[in-house]
Amino acid sequence: MEQTLTLAEIMSLDGERVAGAGVEEAAAIQDKLSMTGKPWCAVSAWVVIDVTCVPDGELARFTLPLALYAHHVQLGDDDRLNAGEPVLTSFATGYDQRGIFETVDRIYILLGRGFRKPVDLESVKAAQYLFDQRTLEA
């Protein structure tokens, strides 16, 4: 069994280096945004989390064992996420290796290079809970 990670370890910028969205992905991003109509935001200093140790039936239907942590929201099209704030997402419904990360309610555009790392389900759920509590208190 994998060791449970702390929120700080999950948020740390380490793991496998991966590319995010660049100028060449502008058309793909625009297509995705126009097809879904979901709100969007662009983020930097990000980590795609590969959720491990997921029992069958544990995740909601049509979700993937992926989550996203970003240290900085750069900009977006609504006022739910403000520039400069961090964000920890719910589980993904899609992830395009060109830097488009999608959840049930939002499209995240991953700017520049980031990281990808495995984290066990228990740690991810605990981090999501702690992050939500911290956000509610702010």
C-alpha atoms as a PDB file:
ATOM      1  CA  MET A   1       0.000   0.000   0.000  1.00  0.00           C
ATOM      2  CA  GLU A   2       1.261   3.460  -0.888  1.00  0.00           C
ATOM      3  CA  GLN A   3       2.117   6.027   1.747  1.00  0.00           C
ATOM      4  CA  THR A   4      -0.508   8.729   2.275  1.00  0.00           C
ATOM      5  CA  LEU A   5       0.825  12.069   1.063  1.00  0.00           C
ATOM      6  CA  THR A   6       0.289  15.400   2.763  1.00  0.00           C
ATOM      7  CA  LEU A   7      -1.350  18.356   1.044  1.00  0.00           C
ATOM      8  CA  ALA A   8       2.072  20.027   0.778  1.00  0.00           C
ATOM      9  CA  GLU A   9       3.532  16.973  -0.978  1.00  0.00           C
ATOM     10  CA  ILE A  10       0.635  16.862  -3.424  1.00  0.00           C
ATOM     11  CA  MET A  11       1.015  20.577  -4.182  1.00  0.00           C
ATOM     12  CA  SER A  12       4.795  20.437  -4.626  1.00  0.00           C
ATOM     13  CA  LEU A  13       6.072  21.106  -8.110  1.00  0.00           C
ATOM     14  CA  ASP A  14       7.788  17.815  -8.756  1.00  0.00           C
ATOM     15  CA  GLY A  15       7.226  14.620 -10.671  1.00  0.00           C
ATOM     16  CA  GLU A  16       7.420  13.937 -14.384  1.00  0.00           C
ATOM     17  CA  ARG A  17       7.824  17.148 -16.422  1.00  0.00           C
ATOM     18  CA  VAL A  18       5.050  17.515 -19.001  1.00  0.00           C
ATOM     19  CA  ALA A  19       4.109  20.135 -21.551  1.00  0.00           C
ATOM     20  CA  GLY A  20       0.952  22.168 -21.287  1.00  0.00           C
ATOM     21  CA  ALA A  21      -0.787  24.409 -23.779  1.00  0.00           C
ATOM     22  CA  GLY A  22       1.226  26.595 -26.065  1.00  0.00           C
ATOM     23  CA  VAL A  23       0.340  29.000 -28.854  1.00  0.00           C
ATOM     24  CA  GLU A  24       0.025  26.096 -31.286  1.00  0.00           C
ATOM     25  CA  GLU A  25      -2.921  24.713 -29.235  1.00  0.00           C
ATOM     26  CA  ALA A  26      -4.997  27.907 -29.532  1.00  0.00           C
ATOM     27  CA  ALA A  27      -7.344  26.445 -32.168  1.00  0.00           C
ATOM     28  CA  ALA A  28      -7.899  23.213 -30.189  1.00  0.00           C
ATOM     29  CA  ILE A  29      -8.620  25.233 -27.047  1.00  0.00           C
ATOM     30  CA  GLN A  30     -11.063  27.492 -28.862  1.00  0.00           C
ATOM     31  CA  ASP A  31     -12.834  24.451 -30.342  1.00  0.00           C
ATOM     32  CA  LYS A  32     -13.132  22.815 -26.907  1.00  0.00           C
ATOM     33  CA  LEU A  33     -14.495  25.962 -25.292  1.00  0.00           C
ATOM     34  CA  SER A  34     -17.067  26.520 -28.029  1.00  0.00           C
ATOM     35  CA  MET A  35     -18.197  22.860 -27.952  1.00  0.00           C
ATOM     36  CA  THR A  36     -18.764  22.660 -24.184  1.00  0.00           C
ATOM     37  CA  GLY A  37     -19.890  26.150 -23.212  1.00  0.00           C
ATOM     38  CA  LYS A  38     -18.326  25.522 -19.781  1.00  0.00           C
ATOM     39  CA  PRO A  39     -16.546  28.271 -17.876  1.00  0.00           C
ATOM     40  CA  TRP A  40     -12.782  28.179 -18.261  1.00  0.00           C
ATOM     41  CA  CYS A  41      -9.652  29.395 -16.590  1.00  0.00           C
ATOM     42  CA  ALA A  42      -5.968  29.408 -17.452  1.00  0.00           C
ATOM     43  CA  VAL A  43      -3.574  28.170 -14.760  1.00  0.00           C
ATOM     44  CA  SER A  44       0.174  28.068 -14.195  1.00  0.00           C
ATOM     45  CA  ALA A  45       2.516  26.164 -11.872  1.00  0.00           C
ATOM     46  CA  TRP A  46       0.363  23.056 -12.144  1.00  0.00           C
ATOM     47  CA  VAL A  47       0.434  19.347 -11.314  1.00  0.00           C
ATOM     48  CA  VAL A  48      -1.732  16.711 -12.988  1.00  0.00           C
ATOM     49  CA  ILE A  49      -2.421  14.053 -10.375  1.00  0.00           C
ATOM     50  CA  ASP A  50      -2.729  10.420 -11.479  1.00  0.00           C
ATOM     51  CA  VAL A  51      -4.979   8.936  -8.807  1.00  0.00           C
ATOM     52  CA  THR A  52      -3.856   5.448  -7.824  1.00  0.00           C
ATOM     53  CA  CYS A  53      -5.369   2.685  -5.698  1.00  0.00           C
ATOM     54  CA  VAL A  54      -8.908   3.335  -6.972  1.00  0.00           C
ATOM     55  CA  PRO A  55     -11.310   0.464  -6.185  1.00  0.00           C
ATOM     56  CA  ASP A  56     -13.863  -0.440  -8.857  1.00  0.00           C
ATOM     57  CA  GLY A  57     -16.918   1.789  -8.617  1.00  0.00           C
ATOM     58  CA  GLU A  58     -15.217   4.336  -6.346  1.00  0.00           C
ATOM     59  CA  LEU A  59     -15.316   7.221  -8.829  1.00  0.00           C
ATOM     60  CA  ALA A  60     -18.461   8.685 -10.333  1.00  0.00           C
ATOM     61  CA  ARG A  61     -19.432   7.477 -13.770  1.00  0.00           C
ATOM     62  CA  PHE A  62     -17.651   9.244 -16.641  1.00  0.00           C
ATOM     63  CA  THR A  63     -14.860  10.546 -14.418  1.00  0.00           C
ATOM     64  CA  LEU A  64     -11.203   9.695 -14.779  1.00  0.00           C
ATOM     65  CA  PRO A  65      -8.716   8.953 -12.001  1.00  0.00           C
ATOM     66  CA  LEU A  66      -7.099  12.361 -12.510  1.00  0.00           C
ATOM     67  CA  ALA A  67      -7.196  15.643 -10.601  1.00  0.00           C
ATOM     68  CA  LEU A  68      -5.380  18.941 -11.047  1.00  0.00           C
ATOM     69  CA  TYR A  69      -3.650  21.255  -8.612  1.00  0.00           C
ATOM     70  CA  ALA A  70      -2.543  24.673  -9.836  1.00  0.00           C
ATOM     71  CA  HIS A  71      -0.735  27.252  -7.738  1.00  0.00           C
ATOM     72  CA  HIS A  72      -1.991  30.203  -9.781  1.00  0.00           C
ATOM     73  CA  VAL A  73      -5.160  30.986 -11.680  1.00  0.00           C
ATOM     74  CA  GLN A  74      -4.015  33.424 -14.350  1.00  0.00           C
ATOM     75  CA  LEU A  75      -7.386  34.430 -15.762  1.00  0.00           C
ATOM     76  CA  GLY A  76     -10.830  33.066 -16.430  1.00  0.00           C
ATOM     77  CA  ASP A  77     -14.252  33.911 -17.714  1.00  0.00           C
ATOM     78  CA  ASP A  78     -16.202  34.041 -14.441  1.00  0.00           C
ATOM     79  CA  ASP A  79     -15.656  35.278 -10.896  1.00  0.00           C
ATOM     80  CA  ARG A  80     -15.609  31.908  -9.107  1.00  0.00           C
ATOM     81  CA  LEU A  81     -11.821  31.597  -9.463  1.00  0.00           C
ATOM     82  CA  ASN A  82      -9.790  34.762  -9.019  1.00  0.00           C
ATOM     83  CA  ALA A  83      -6.415  35.546 -10.540  1.00  0.00           C
ATOM     84  CA  GLY A  84      -3.549  34.571  -8.263  1.00  0.00           C
ATOM     85  CA  GLU A  85      -5.517  31.975  -6.293  1.00  0.00           C
ATOM     86  CA  PRO A  86      -4.668  28.271  -6.174  1.00  0.00           C
ATOM     87  CA  VAL A  87      -7.152  25.601  -7.268  1.00  0.00           C
ATOM     88  CA  LEU A  88      -7.539  21.877  -6.605  1.00  0.00           C
ATOM     89  CA  THR A  89     -10.082  20.274  -8.894  1.00  0.00           C
ATOM     90  CA  SER A  90     -12.554  17.484  -8.596  1.00  0.00           C
ATOM     91  CA  PHE A  91     -11.885  14.395 -10.716  1.00  0.00           C
ATOM     92  CA  ALA A  92     -11.442  14.894 -14.455  1.00  0.00           C
ATOM     93  CA  THR A  93     -13.869  14.103 -17.224  1.00  0.00           C
ATOM     94  CA  GLY A  94     -11.161  14.630 -19.835  1.00  0.00           C
ATOM     95  CA  TYR A  95      -7.502  15.420 -20.246  1.00  0.00           C
ATOM     96  CA  ASP A  96      -5.981  16.355 -23.571  1.00  0.00           C
ATOM     97  CA  GLN A  97      -2.208  16.020 -23.512  1.00  0.00           C
ATOM     98  CA  ARG A  98      -2.082  19.403 -25.276  1.00  0.00           C
ATOM     99  CA  GLY A  99      -2.889  21.181 -22.017  1.00  0.00           C
ATOM    100  CA  ILE A 100      -6.691  20.992 -21.779  1.00  0.00           C
ATOM    101  CA  PHE A 101      -7.976  19.542 -18.495  1.00  0.00           C
ATOM    102  CA  GLU A 102     -11.732  19.181 -18.054  1.00  0.00           C
ATOM    103  CA  THR A 103     -13.938  18.549 -15.028  1.00  0.00           C
ATOM    104  CA  VAL A 104     -17.707  18.297 -14.849  1.00  0.00           C
ATOM    105  CA  ASP A 105     -18.058  22.055 -14.460  1.00  0.00           C
ATOM    106  CA  ARG A 106     -14.955  23.739 -15.935  1.00  0.00           C
ATOM    107  CA  ILE A 107     -12.201  23.689 -18.558  1.00  0.00           C
ATOM    108  CA  TYR A 108      -8.667  24.350 -17.287  1.00  0.00           C
ATOM    109  CA  ILE A 109      -6.009  25.506 -19.719  1.00  0.00           C
ATOM    110  CA  LEU A 110      -2.608  24.390 -18.466  1.00  0.00           C
ATOM    111  CA  LEU A 111      -0.098  27.079 -19.382  1.00  0.00           C
ATOM    112  CA  GLY A 112       3.537  26.274 -20.025  1.00  0.00           C
ATOM    113  CA  ARG A 113       5.216  23.228 -18.544  1.00  0.00           C
ATOM    114  CA  GLY A 114       3.995  21.468 -15.437  1.00  0.00           C
ATOM    115  CA  PHE A 115       4.269  18.152 -13.664  1.00  0.00           C
ATOM    116  CA  ARG A 116       2.460  14.849 -13.475  1.00  0.00           C
ATOM    117  CA  LYS A 117       2.695  12.466 -10.540  1.00  0.00           C
ATOM    118  CA  PRO A 118       0.876   9.523  -8.970  1.00  0.00           C
ATOM    119  CA  VAL A 119      -0.994  10.048  -5.696  1.00  0.00           C
ATOM    120  CA  ASP A 120      -3.154   7.500  -3.901  1.00  0.00           C
ATOM    121  CA  LEU A 121      -6.924   8.059  -3.748  1.00  0.00           C
ATOM    122  CA  GLU A 122      -6.980   8.472   0.035  1.00  0.00           C
ATOM    123  CA  SER A 123      -4.461  11.328  -0.148  1.00  0.00           C
ATOM    124  CA  VAL A 124      -6.293  13.044  -3.012  1.00  0.00           C
ATOM    125  CA  LYS A 125      -9.650  12.914  -1.214  1.00  0.00           C
ATOM    126  CA  ALA A 126      -8.069  14.216   1.996  1.00  0.00           C
ATOM    127  CA  ALA A 127      -6.381  17.041   0.085  1.00  0.00           C
ATOM    128  CA  GLN A 128      -9.645  17.952  -1.673  1.00  0.00           C
ATOM    129  CA  TYR A 129     -11.411  18.065   1.694  1.00  0.00           C
ATOM    130  CA  LEU A 130      -8.680  20.200   3.312  1.00  0.00           C
ATOM    131  CA  PHE A 131      -8.520  22.499   0.308  1.00  0.00           C
ATOM    132  CA  ASP A 132     -12.314  22.953   0.315  1.00  0.00           C
ATOM    133  CA  GLN A 133     -12.252  23.737   4.052  1.00  0.00           C
ATOM    134  CA  ARG A 134      -9.450  26.265   3.577  1.00  0.00           C
ATOM    135  CA  THR A 135     -11.351  27.902   0.706  1.00  0.00           C
ATOM    136  CA  LEU A 136     -14.561  28.117   2.760  1.00  0.00           C
ATOM    137  CA  GLU A 137     -12.711  29.799   5.642  1.00  0.00           C
ATOM    138  CA  ALA A 138     -11.084  32.427   3.410  1.00  0.00           C
END
